[in-house]
C-alpha cells in the first residue's frame, strides 16, 4: 500500500491537533481507496474543519482538502460538484500559494473533467497552466513528465499533432533520465509511434515502436505488448507500401523517341495543352 504523506502544515500544529488531523486524513484516504465514498466525504469534511480550527480559514492545507473532495466527487461521477470544489481550491491557492504542487494538481484534476466533457480548449488552458507551475516547482519529475503527456493527449484530440509530438517528447526526455526501462516510458514510445503513424511517417513511428518493444517484452505486460506489436506491424506495412510506390514511380518509363513523345502527347493533349501551346506538330 502506498504510504500516506502528511502535509507539512500538520507538523506546525500542537501534538493533539496533529494527531486528530492525521487520524481523519488517514480515514478519508483509506475510505476513498476502498470506494467507500460517503465515508470519505464525511472524513474529508472533518479534516477540513480541523485544518481551519487549528490553522487559518484559507491555507494550502485547506485547499488540499477541497482538492480531495473534488477528487472523490469526480470518481463518483458527480462532475458538477467536483468542479465546484476544484474551483474553490484554485481560488484559495491563487491567494496563498499560487506556485505549488497542490495548485498544479488541482488544475490538472479540473482539466481532466473538462476533457471528459469534450471541452478541450478549457482543459488545455488548465493543463498548460499546471505545466508552467510544475516546470518551476517540480522539474525532472514523473509528475511533470506525465503532465506533458496529458497536454499531448488533448492536443492530439484537437488535431494539433505536431504540437502533441513536441509535448510528448518533452515528457520522454525526462522519463529516459529518471525512469529508463519502465512501462511508463514504453507507453510514451508507443504514443509517439502512434502519433507519427497518424501523420503518415512510418519511419519515425517504427523507431519509437521498436524502442517500446524492447521494454514491453521483458516486462511481460500483455496489453502493452499487443498494442506495440499491432502498431508496429501497421507501421511496417505502411512503410512497405510507400517503398513499393516509390519503386513504381522510378520504374515508370519516360518517352524517349520522337514517336513515343508524339504518342504521349496525344494522350495528354486534351487535358494539358491548348492548340496554340502544342510543342509537337502532328
C-alpha atoms as a PDB file:
ATOM      1  CA  UNK A   1       0.000   0.000   0.000  1.00  0.00           C
ATOM      2  CA  UNK A   2       1.262   3.466  -0.833  1.00  0.00           C
ATOM      3  CA  UNK A   3       2.482   5.450   2.176  1.00  0.00           C
ATOM      4  CA  UNK A   4       0.264   8.352   3.211  1.00  0.00           C
ATOM      5  CA  UNK A   5       2.063  11.698   3.101  1.00  0.00           C
ATOM      6  CA  UNK A   6       1.366  14.061   5.973  1.00  0.00           C
ATOM      7  CA  UNK A   7       1.146  17.736   4.890  1.00  0.00           C
ATOM      8  CA  UNK A   8       3.862  19.989   6.315  1.00  0.00           C
ATOM      9  CA  UNK A   9       1.129  22.175   7.842  1.00  0.00           C
ATOM     10  CA  UNK A  10       0.287  19.389  10.288  1.00  0.00           C
ATOM     11  CA  UNK A  11       3.812  19.477  11.702  1.00  0.00           C
ATOM     12  CA  UNK A  12       3.416  23.075  12.850  1.00  0.00           C
ATOM     13  CA  UNK A  13       0.327  22.366  14.961  1.00  0.00           C
ATOM     14  CA  UNK A  14       0.073  21.033  18.521  1.00  0.00           C
ATOM     15  CA  UNK A  15       0.590  17.318  19.104  1.00  0.00           C
ATOM     16  CA  UNK A  16      -3.131  16.776  19.772  1.00  0.00           C
ATOM     17  CA  UNK A  17      -4.146  18.735  16.672  1.00  0.00           C
ATOM     18  CA  UNK A  18      -1.621  16.834  14.538  1.00  0.00           C
ATOM     19  CA  UNK A  19      -2.945  13.512  15.785  1.00  0.00           C
ATOM     20  CA  UNK A  20      -6.567  14.494  15.106  1.00  0.00           C
ATOM     21  CA  UNK A  21      -5.823  15.746  11.579  1.00  0.00           C
ATOM     22  CA  UNK A  22      -3.699  12.714  10.744  1.00  0.00           C
ATOM     23  CA  UNK A  23      -6.452  10.400  12.002  1.00  0.00           C
ATOM     24  CA  UNK A  24      -9.219  11.882   9.835  1.00  0.00           C
ATOM     25  CA  UNK A  25      -6.912  12.306   6.868  1.00  0.00           C
ATOM     26  CA  UNK A  26      -5.961   8.632   7.032  1.00  0.00           C
ATOM     27  CA  UNK A  27      -9.621   7.662   7.351  1.00  0.00           C
ATOM     28  CA  UNK A  28     -10.576   9.769   4.324  1.00  0.00           C
ATOM     29  CA  UNK A  29      -7.805   8.370   2.120  1.00  0.00           C
ATOM     30  CA  UNK A  30      -8.410   4.755   3.099  1.00  0.00           C
ATOM     31  CA  UNK A  31     -12.171   5.096   2.590  1.00  0.00           C
ATOM     32  CA  UNK A  32     -11.554   6.585  -0.856  1.00  0.00           C
ATOM     33  CA  UNK A  33      -9.216   3.744  -1.829  1.00  0.00           C
ATOM     34  CA  UNK A  34     -11.862   1.244  -0.746  1.00  0.00           C
ATOM     35  CA  UNK A  35     -14.546   3.075  -2.784  1.00  0.00           C
ATOM     36  CA  UNK A  36     -16.413   3.996   0.397  1.00  0.00           C
ATOM     37  CA  UNK A  37     -17.153   7.441  -0.937  1.00  0.00           C
ATOM     38  CA  UNK A  38     -19.712   8.678   1.592  1.00  0.00           C
ATOM     39  CA  UNK A  39     -17.312   7.827   4.427  1.00  0.00           C
ATOM     40  CA  UNK A  40     -14.511   9.537   2.517  1.00  0.00           C
ATOM     41  CA  UNK A  41     -16.587  12.714   2.125  1.00  0.00           C
ATOM     42  CA  UNK A  42     -17.555  12.785   5.812  1.00  0.00           C
ATOM     43  CA  UNK A  43     -13.939  12.263   6.927  1.00  0.00           C
ATOM     44  CA  UNK A  44     -12.639  14.908   4.483  1.00  0.00           C
ATOM     45  CA  UNK A  45     -15.151  17.485   5.709  1.00  0.00           C
ATOM     46  CA  UNK A  46     -13.955  16.816   9.276  1.00  0.00           C
ATOM     47  CA  UNK A  47     -10.376  17.062   8.030  1.00  0.00           C
ATOM     48  CA  UNK A  48     -11.178  20.484   6.524  1.00  0.00           C
ATOM     49  CA  UNK A  49     -12.875  21.617   9.747  1.00  0.00           C
ATOM     50  CA  UNK A  50      -9.814  20.676  11.817  1.00  0.00           C
ATOM     51  CA  UNK A  51      -7.414  22.395   9.413  1.00  0.00           C
ATOM     52  CA  UNK A  52      -9.423  25.603   9.776  1.00  0.00           C
ATOM     53  CA  UNK A  53      -9.858  25.215  13.521  1.00  0.00           C
ATOM     54  CA  UNK A  54      -6.140  24.758  14.182  1.00  0.00           C
ATOM     55  CA  UNK A  55      -4.869  26.943  11.360  1.00  0.00           C
ATOM     56  CA  UNK A  56      -6.332  29.536   9.038  1.00  0.00           C
ATOM     57  CA  UNK A  57      -9.582  29.696   7.114  1.00  0.00           C
ATOM     58  CA  UNK A  58      -7.651  29.899   3.864  1.00  0.00           C
ATOM     59  CA  UNK A  59      -4.423  27.943   3.528  1.00  0.00           C
ATOM     60  CA  UNK A  60      -2.707  25.367   1.344  1.00  0.00           C
ATOM     61  CA  UNK A  61      -3.805  22.679   3.801  1.00  0.00           C
ATOM     62  CA  UNK A  62      -7.465  23.672   3.455  1.00  0.00           C
ATOM     63  CA  UNK A  63      -7.091  23.822  -0.334  1.00  0.00           C
ATOM     64  CA  UNK A  64      -5.751  20.259  -0.198  1.00  0.00           C
ATOM     65  CA  UNK A  65      -8.965  19.103   1.469  1.00  0.00           C
ATOM     66  CA  UNK A  66     -11.041  20.892  -1.180  1.00  0.00           C
ATOM     67  CA  UNK A  67      -8.991  19.222  -3.902  1.00  0.00           C
ATOM     68  CA  UNK A  68      -9.511  15.830  -2.265  1.00  0.00           C
ATOM     69  CA  UNK A  69     -13.263  16.382  -2.061  1.00  0.00           C
ATOM     70  CA  UNK A  70     -13.248  17.250  -5.762  1.00  0.00           C
ATOM     71  CA  UNK A  71     -11.364  14.036  -6.479  1.00  0.00           C
ATOM     72  CA  UNK A  72     -13.914  11.962  -4.529  1.00  0.00           C
ATOM     73  CA  UNK A  73     -16.898  13.535  -6.296  1.00  0.00           C
ATOM     74  CA  UNK A  74     -15.180  13.151  -9.668  1.00  0.00           C
ATOM     75  CA  UNK A  75     -14.649   9.437  -9.018  1.00  0.00           C
ATOM     76  CA  UNK A  76     -18.307   9.148  -8.054  1.00  0.00           C
ATOM     77  CA  UNK A  77     -19.249  10.656 -11.414  1.00  0.00           C
ATOM     78  CA  UNK A  78     -20.550  13.937  -9.979  1.00  0.00           C
ATOM     79  CA  UNK A  79     -18.630  16.321 -12.241  1.00  0.00           C
ATOM     80  CA  UNK A  80     -20.543  19.448 -11.190  1.00  0.00           C
ATOM     81  CA  UNK A  81     -19.688  19.013  -7.507  1.00  0.00           C
ATOM     82  CA  UNK A  82     -16.110  18.094  -8.363  1.00  0.00           C
ATOM     83  CA  UNK A  83     -15.648  21.257 -10.447  1.00  0.00           C
ATOM     84  CA  UNK A  84     -17.119  23.336  -7.630  1.00  0.00           C
ATOM     85  CA  UNK A  85     -14.553  22.047  -5.106  1.00  0.00           C
ATOM     86  CA  UNK A  86     -11.650  22.255  -7.549  1.00  0.00           C
ATOM     87  CA  UNK A  87     -12.522  25.871  -8.341  1.00  0.00           C
ATOM     88  CA  UNK A  88     -12.639  26.733  -4.639  1.00  0.00           C
ATOM     89  CA  UNK A  89      -9.228  25.127  -4.175  1.00  0.00           C
ATOM     90  CA  UNK A  90      -7.761  27.029  -7.144  1.00  0.00           C
ATOM     91  CA  UNK A  91      -9.175  30.375  -5.951  1.00  0.00           C
ATOM     92  CA  UNK A  92      -7.720  29.775  -2.486  1.00  0.00           C
ATOM     93  CA  UNK A  93      -4.314  28.723  -3.805  1.00  0.00           C
ATOM     94  CA  UNK A  94      -4.087  31.798  -6.033  1.00  0.00           C
ATOM     95  CA  UNK A  95      -4.203  33.838  -2.819  1.00  0.00           C
ATOM     96  CA  UNK A  96      -1.941  31.819  -0.543  1.00  0.00           C
ATOM     97  CA  UNK A  97       0.456  29.777  -2.693  1.00  0.00           C
ATOM     98  CA  UNK A  98      -0.019  30.144  -6.461  1.00  0.00           C
ATOM     99  CA  UNK A  99       3.131  28.283  -7.490  1.00  0.00           C
ATOM    100  CA  UNK A 100       2.779  24.960  -5.698  1.00  0.00           C
ATOM    101  CA  UNK A 101       2.234  21.283  -6.408  1.00  0.00           C
ATOM    102  CA  UNK A 102      -1.240  21.479  -4.854  1.00  0.00           C
ATOM    103  CA  UNK A 103      -2.185  24.235  -7.297  1.00  0.00           C
ATOM    104  CA  UNK A 104      -0.789  22.259 -10.248  1.00  0.00           C
ATOM    105  CA  UNK A 105      -2.548  19.084  -9.122  1.00  0.00           C
ATOM    106  CA  UNK A 106      -5.899  20.836  -8.763  1.00  0.00           C
ATOM    107  CA  UNK A 107      -5.601  22.490 -12.184  1.00  0.00           C
ATOM    108  CA  UNK A 108      -4.814  19.102 -13.716  1.00  0.00           C
ATOM    109  CA  UNK A 109      -7.771  17.435 -11.990  1.00  0.00           C
ATOM    110  CA  UNK A 110     -10.136  20.158 -13.173  1.00  0.00           C
ATOM    111  CA  UNK A 111      -8.682  19.964 -16.684  1.00  0.00           C
ATOM    112  CA  UNK A 112      -9.459  16.266 -16.883  1.00  0.00           C
ATOM    113  CA  UNK A 113     -13.102  16.829 -16.044  1.00  0.00           C
ATOM    114  CA  UNK A 114     -13.358  19.345 -18.879  1.00  0.00           C
ATOM    115  CA  UNK A 115     -11.589  16.811 -21.114  1.00  0.00           C
ATOM    116  CA  UNK A 116     -14.191  14.167 -20.216  1.00  0.00           C
ATOM    117  CA  UNK A 117     -16.901  16.596 -21.291  1.00  0.00           C
ATOM    118  CA  UNK A 118     -15.034  17.339 -24.549  1.00  0.00           C
ATOM    119  CA  UNK A 119     -14.320  20.923 -23.602  1.00  0.00           C
ATOM    120  CA  UNK A 120     -10.775  20.617 -24.881  1.00  0.00           C
ATOM    121  CA  UNK A 121      -9.924  24.323 -25.106  1.00  0.00           C
ATOM    122  CA  UNK A 122     -10.665  24.829 -21.393  1.00  0.00           C
ATOM    123  CA  UNK A 123      -8.907  21.594 -20.485  1.00  0.00           C
ATOM    124  CA  UNK A 124      -5.806  22.617 -22.428  1.00  0.00           C
ATOM    125  CA  UNK A 125      -5.686  26.048 -20.788  1.00  0.00           C
ATOM    126  CA  UNK A 126      -5.787  24.494 -17.304  1.00  0.00           C
ATOM    127  CA  UNK A 127      -3.224  21.813 -18.071  1.00  0.00           C
ATOM    128  CA  UNK A 128      -0.839  24.295 -19.673  1.00  0.00           C
ATOM    129  CA  UNK A 129      -1.074  26.432 -16.531  1.00  0.00           C
ATOM    130  CA  UNK A 130      -0.362  23.346 -14.449  1.00  0.00           C
ATOM    131  CA  UNK A 131       2.660  22.622 -16.644  1.00  0.00           C
ATOM    132  CA  UNK A 132       4.062  26.113 -16.203  1.00  0.00           C
ATOM    133  CA  UNK A 133       3.922  25.656 -12.427  1.00  0.00           C
ATOM    134  CA  UNK A 134       5.441  22.165 -12.416  1.00  0.00           C
ATOM    135  CA  UNK A 135       8.305  23.291 -14.641  1.00  0.00           C
ATOM    136  CA  UNK A 136       9.263  25.664 -11.809  1.00  0.00           C
ATOM    137  CA  UNK A 137       8.493  23.628  -8.671  1.00  0.00           C
ATOM    138  CA  UNK A 138       8.948  20.032  -9.857  1.00  0.00           C
ATOM    139  CA  UNK A 139      11.470  19.882 -12.727  1.00  0.00           C
ATOM    140  CA  UNK A 140      12.705  16.482 -13.877  1.00  0.00           C
ATOM    141  CA  UNK A 141       9.962  14.554 -12.093  1.00  0.00           C
ATOM    142  CA  UNK A 142       7.475  11.937 -13.234  1.00  0.00           C
ATOM    143  CA  UNK A 143       4.692  14.349 -12.295  1.00  0.00           C
ATOM    144  CA  UNK A 144       5.967  16.842 -14.864  1.00  0.00           C
ATOM    145  CA  UNK A 145       6.620  14.117 -17.443  1.00  0.00           C
ATOM    146  CA  UNK A 146       3.096  12.751 -17.086  1.00  0.00           C
ATOM    147  CA  UNK A 147       1.628  16.226 -17.397  1.00  0.00           C
ATOM    148  CA  UNK A 148       3.456  16.704 -20.697  1.00  0.00           C
ATOM    149  CA  UNK A 149       1.683  13.538 -21.837  1.00  0.00           C
ATOM    150  CA  UNK A 150      -1.641  14.878 -20.574  1.00  0.00           C
ATOM    151  CA  UNK A 151      -1.227  18.014 -22.667  1.00  0.00           C
ATOM    152  CA  UNK A 152      -0.095  15.958 -25.655  1.00  0.00           C
ATOM    153  CA  UNK A 153      -3.250  13.851 -25.451  1.00  0.00           C
ATOM    154  CA  UNK A 154      -5.520  16.891 -25.595  1.00  0.00           C
ATOM    155  CA  UNK A 155      -3.539  18.470 -28.441  1.00  0.00           C
ATOM    156  CA  UNK A 156      -3.922  15.231 -30.398  1.00  0.00           C
ATOM    157  CA  UNK A 157      -7.683  15.300 -29.867  1.00  0.00           C
ATOM    158  CA  UNK A 158      -7.665  18.860 -31.205  1.00  0.00           C
ATOM    159  CA  UNK A 159      -5.817  17.653 -34.354  1.00  0.00           C
ATOM    160  CA  UNK A 160      -2.695  19.579 -33.369  1.00  0.00           C
ATOM    161  CA  UNK A 161      -0.483  16.533 -33.851  1.00  0.00           C
ATOM    162  CA  UNK A 162       2.880  18.263 -34.342  1.00  0.00           C
ATOM    163  CA  UNK A 163       2.422  20.152 -31.062  1.00  0.00           C
ATOM    164  CA  UNK A 164       1.326  16.912 -29.441  1.00  0.00           C
ATOM    165  CA  UNK A 165       4.546  15.216 -30.565  1.00  0.00           C
ATOM    166  CA  UNK A 166       6.628  18.064 -29.151  1.00  0.00           C
ATOM    167  CA  UNK A 167       4.988  17.806 -25.735  1.00  0.00           C
ATOM    168  CA  UNK A 168       5.224  14.004 -25.697  1.00  0.00           C
ATOM    169  CA  UNK A 169       8.938  14.215 -26.463  1.00  0.00           C
ATOM    170  CA  UNK A 170       9.445  16.610 -23.552  1.00  0.00           C
ATOM    171  CA  UNK A 171       7.946  14.003 -21.266  1.00  0.00           C
ATOM    172  CA  UNK A 172      10.028  11.281 -22.926  1.00  0.00           C
ATOM    173  CA  UNK A 173      13.288  13.135 -22.261  1.00  0.00           C
ATOM    174  CA  UNK A 174      12.533  13.255 -18.540  1.00  0.00           C
ATOM    175  CA  UNK A 175      11.494   9.598 -18.366  1.00  0.00           C
ATOM    176  CA  UNK A 176      14.624   8.477 -20.205  1.00  0.00           C
ATOM    177  CA  UNK A 177      16.688  10.152 -17.456  1.00  0.00           C
ATOM    178  CA  UNK A 178      14.778   9.126 -14.327  1.00  0.00           C
ATOM    179  CA  UNK A 179      12.703   6.110 -15.361  1.00  0.00           C
ATOM    180  CA  UNK A 180      14.542   4.128 -18.072  1.00  0.00           C
ATOM    181  CA  UNK A 181      13.195   0.698 -18.873  1.00  0.00           C
ATOM    182  CA  UNK A 182       9.816   1.354 -17.254  1.00  0.00           C
ATOM    183  CA  UNK A 183       6.332   0.678 -18.543  1.00  0.00           C
ATOM    184  CA  UNK A 184       5.634   4.419 -18.400  1.00  0.00           C
ATOM    185  CA  UNK A 185       8.475   5.114 -20.849  1.00  0.00           C
ATOM    186  CA  UNK A 186       7.296   2.274 -23.096  1.00  0.00           C
ATOM    187  CA  UNK A 187       3.828   3.846 -23.223  1.00  0.00           C
ATOM    188  CA  UNK A 188       5.396   7.180 -24.209  1.00  0.00           C
ATOM    189  CA  UNK A 189       7.343   5.494 -27.032  1.00  0.00           C
ATOM    190  CA  UNK A 190       4.141   3.759 -28.146  1.00  0.00           C
ATOM    191  CA  UNK A 191       2.257   7.065 -28.131  1.00  0.00           C
ATOM    192  CA  UNK A 192       4.951   8.734 -30.228  1.00  0.00           C
ATOM    193  CA  UNK A 193       4.815   5.829 -32.664  1.00  0.00           C
ATOM    194  CA  UNK A 194       1.055   6.213 -32.978  1.00  0.00           C
ATOM    195  CA  UNK A 195       1.345   9.968 -33.464  1.00  0.00           C
ATOM    196  CA  UNK A 196       3.924   9.657 -36.238  1.00  0.00           C
ATOM    197  CA  UNK A 197       1.842   6.928 -37.861  1.00  0.00           C
ATOM    198  CA  UNK A 198      -1.205   9.211 -37.808  1.00  0.00           C
ATOM    199  CA  UNK A 199       0.641  11.786 -39.945  1.00  0.00           C
ATOM    200  CA  UNK A 200       1.940   9.175 -42.370  1.00  0.00           C
ATOM    201  CA  UNK A 201       5.546   8.945 -41.166  1.00  0.00           C
ATOM    202  CA  UNK A 202       6.132   5.197 -40.682  1.00  0.00           C
ATOM    203  CA  UNK A 203       9.927   5.530 -40.468  1.00  0.00           C
ATOM    204  CA  UNK A 204       9.846   7.607 -37.291  1.00  0.00           C
ATOM    205  CA  UNK A 205       6.919   5.584 -35.983  1.00  0.00           C
ATOM    206  CA  UNK A 206       8.950   2.371 -36.311  1.00  0.00           C
ATOM    207  CA  UNK A 207      11.890   3.958 -34.493  1.00  0.00           C
ATOM    208  CA  UNK A 208       9.829   4.650 -31.364  1.00  0.00           C
ATOM    209  CA  UNK A 209       7.767   1.477 -31.573  1.00  0.00           C
ATOM    210  CA  UNK A 210      10.924  -0.644 -31.625  1.00  0.00           C
ATOM    211  CA  UNK A 211      12.110   1.179 -28.500  1.00  0.00           C
ATOM    212  CA  UNK A 212       8.736   0.439 -26.890  1.00  0.00           C
ATOM    213  CA  UNK A 213       9.014  -3.224 -27.893  1.00  0.00           C
ATOM    214  CA  UNK A 214      12.428  -3.595 -26.231  1.00  0.00           C
ATOM    215  CA  UNK A 215      10.887  -2.502 -22.931  1.00  0.00           C
ATOM    216  CA  UNK A 216       7.478  -4.157 -23.239  1.00  0.00           C
ATOM    217  CA  UNK A 217       8.642  -7.712 -23.957  1.00  0.00           C
ATOM    218  CA  UNK A 218      10.812  -8.154 -20.814  1.00  0.00           C
ATOM    219  CA  UNK A 219       8.071  -6.541 -18.689  1.00  0.00           C
ATOM    220  CA  UNK A 220       5.598  -9.189 -19.903  1.00  0.00           C
ATOM    221  CA  UNK A 221       2.760  -6.673 -19.998  1.00  0.00           C
ATOM    222  CA  UNK A 222       0.368  -8.431 -22.368  1.00  0.00           C
ATOM    223  CA  UNK A 223      -1.958  -5.497 -23.267  1.00  0.00           C
ATOM    224  CA  UNK A 224       1.029  -3.204 -23.817  1.00  0.00           C
ATOM    225  CA  UNK A 225       2.855  -5.819 -25.900  1.00  0.00           C
ATOM    226  CA  UNK A 226      -0.237  -6.326 -28.039  1.00  0.00           C
ATOM    227  CA  UNK A 227      -0.644  -2.585 -28.633  1.00  0.00           C
ATOM    228  CA  UNK A 228       3.033  -2.182 -29.514  1.00  0.00           C
ATOM    229  CA  UNK A 229       3.068  -5.230 -31.818  1.00  0.00           C
ATOM    230  CA  UNK A 230      -0.112  -4.258 -33.660  1.00  0.00           C
ATOM    231  CA  UNK A 231       1.010  -0.649 -34.160  1.00  0.00           C
ATOM    232  CA  UNK A 232       4.488  -1.741 -35.248  1.00  0.00           C
ATOM    233  CA  UNK A 233       3.018  -4.134 -37.813  1.00  0.00           C
ATOM    234  CA  UNK A 234       0.820  -1.326 -39.115  1.00  0.00           C
ATOM    235  CA  UNK A 235       3.830   0.990 -39.421  1.00  0.00           C
ATOM    236  CA  UNK A 236       5.913  -1.667 -41.182  1.00  0.00           C
ATOM    237  CA  UNK A 237       3.048  -2.322 -43.598  1.00  0.00           C
ATOM    238  CA  UNK A 238       2.732   1.394 -44.390  1.00  0.00           C
ATOM    239  CA  UNK A 239       6.474   1.694 -44.884  1.00  0.00           C
ATOM    240  CA  UNK A 240       6.406  -1.278 -47.279  1.00  0.00           C
ATOM    241  CA  UNK A 241       3.549   0.253 -49.288  1.00  0.00           C
ATOM    242  CA  UNK A 242       5.393   3.566 -49.533  1.00  0.00           C
ATOM    243  CA  UNK A 243       8.518   1.750 -50.672  1.00  0.00           C
ATOM    244  CA  UNK A 244       6.623  -0.103 -53.388  1.00  0.00           C
ATOM    245  CA  UNK A 245       5.022   3.145 -54.583  1.00  0.00           C
ATOM    246  CA  UNK A 246       8.437   4.789 -54.889  1.00  0.00           C
ATOM    247  CA  UNK A 247       9.757   1.823 -56.876  1.00  0.00           C
ATOM    248  CA  UNK A 248       6.818   2.023 -59.264  1.00  0.00           C
ATOM    249  CA  UNK A 249       7.422   5.723 -59.812  1.00  0.00           C
ATOM    250  CA  UNK A 250      11.104   5.118 -60.519  1.00  0.00           C
ATOM    251  CA  UNK A 251      10.292   2.216 -62.837  1.00  0.00           C
ATOM    252  CA  UNK A 252       7.821   4.221 -64.911  1.00  0.00           C
ATOM    253  CA  UNK A 253       9.336   4.559 -68.378  1.00  0.00           C
ATOM    254  CA  UNK A 254       9.710   8.043 -69.771  1.00  0.00           C
ATOM    255  CA  UNK A 255       9.184   8.563 -73.564  1.00  0.00           C
ATOM    256  CA  UNK A 256      12.495   8.625 -75.358  1.00  0.00           C
ATOM    257  CA  UNK A 257      11.956   8.562 -79.130  1.00  0.00           C
ATOM    258  CA  UNK A 258      10.055  11.193 -81.109  1.00  0.00           C
ATOM    259  CA  UNK A 259       7.371   8.624 -81.885  1.00  0.00           C
ATOM    260  CA  UNK A 260       6.909   7.883 -78.176  1.00  0.00           C
ATOM    261  CA  UNK A 261       6.778  11.599 -77.424  1.00  0.00           C
ATOM    262  CA  UNK A 262       4.035  12.034 -80.035  1.00  0.00           C
ATOM    263  CA  UNK A 263       2.027   9.161 -78.542  1.00  0.00           C
ATOM    264  CA  UNK A 264       2.444  10.595 -75.058  1.00  0.00           C
ATOM    265  CA  UNK A 265       1.382  13.999 -76.323  1.00  0.00           C
ATOM    266  CA  UNK A 266      -1.777  12.594 -77.902  1.00  0.00           C
ATOM    267  CA  UNK A 267      -2.709  11.053 -74.543  1.00  0.00           C
ATOM    268  CA  UNK A 268      -2.359  14.255 -72.538  1.00  0.00           C
ATOM    269  CA  UNK A 269      -3.263  16.880 -75.143  1.00  0.00           C
ATOM    270  CA  UNK A 270      -6.966  17.256 -74.296  1.00  0.00           C
ATOM    271  CA  UNK A 271      -6.219  17.908 -70.613  1.00  0.00           C
ATOM    272  CA  UNK A 272      -2.893  19.704 -70.559  1.00  0.00           C
ATOM    273  CA  UNK A 273      -2.405  21.628 -73.797  1.00  0.00           C
ATOM    274  CA  UNK A 274      -4.328  24.183 -75.796  1.00  0.00           C
ATOM    275  CA  UNK A 275      -3.904  24.142 -79.622  1.00  0.00           C
ATOM    276  CA  UNK A 276      -1.686  27.229 -79.592  1.00  0.00           C
ATOM    277  CA  UNK A 277       0.538  25.732 -76.902  1.00  0.00           C
ATOM    278  CA  UNK A 278       1.418  22.496 -78.722  1.00  0.00           C
ATOM    279  CA  UNK A 279       5.091  21.696 -78.536  1.00  0.00           C
ATOM    280  CA  UNK A 280       4.944  18.863 -81.081  1.00  0.00           C
ATOM    281  CA  UNK A 281       3.347  19.160 -84.532  1.00  0.00           C
ATOM    282  CA  UNK A 282       1.280  16.184 -85.618  1.00  0.00           C
END
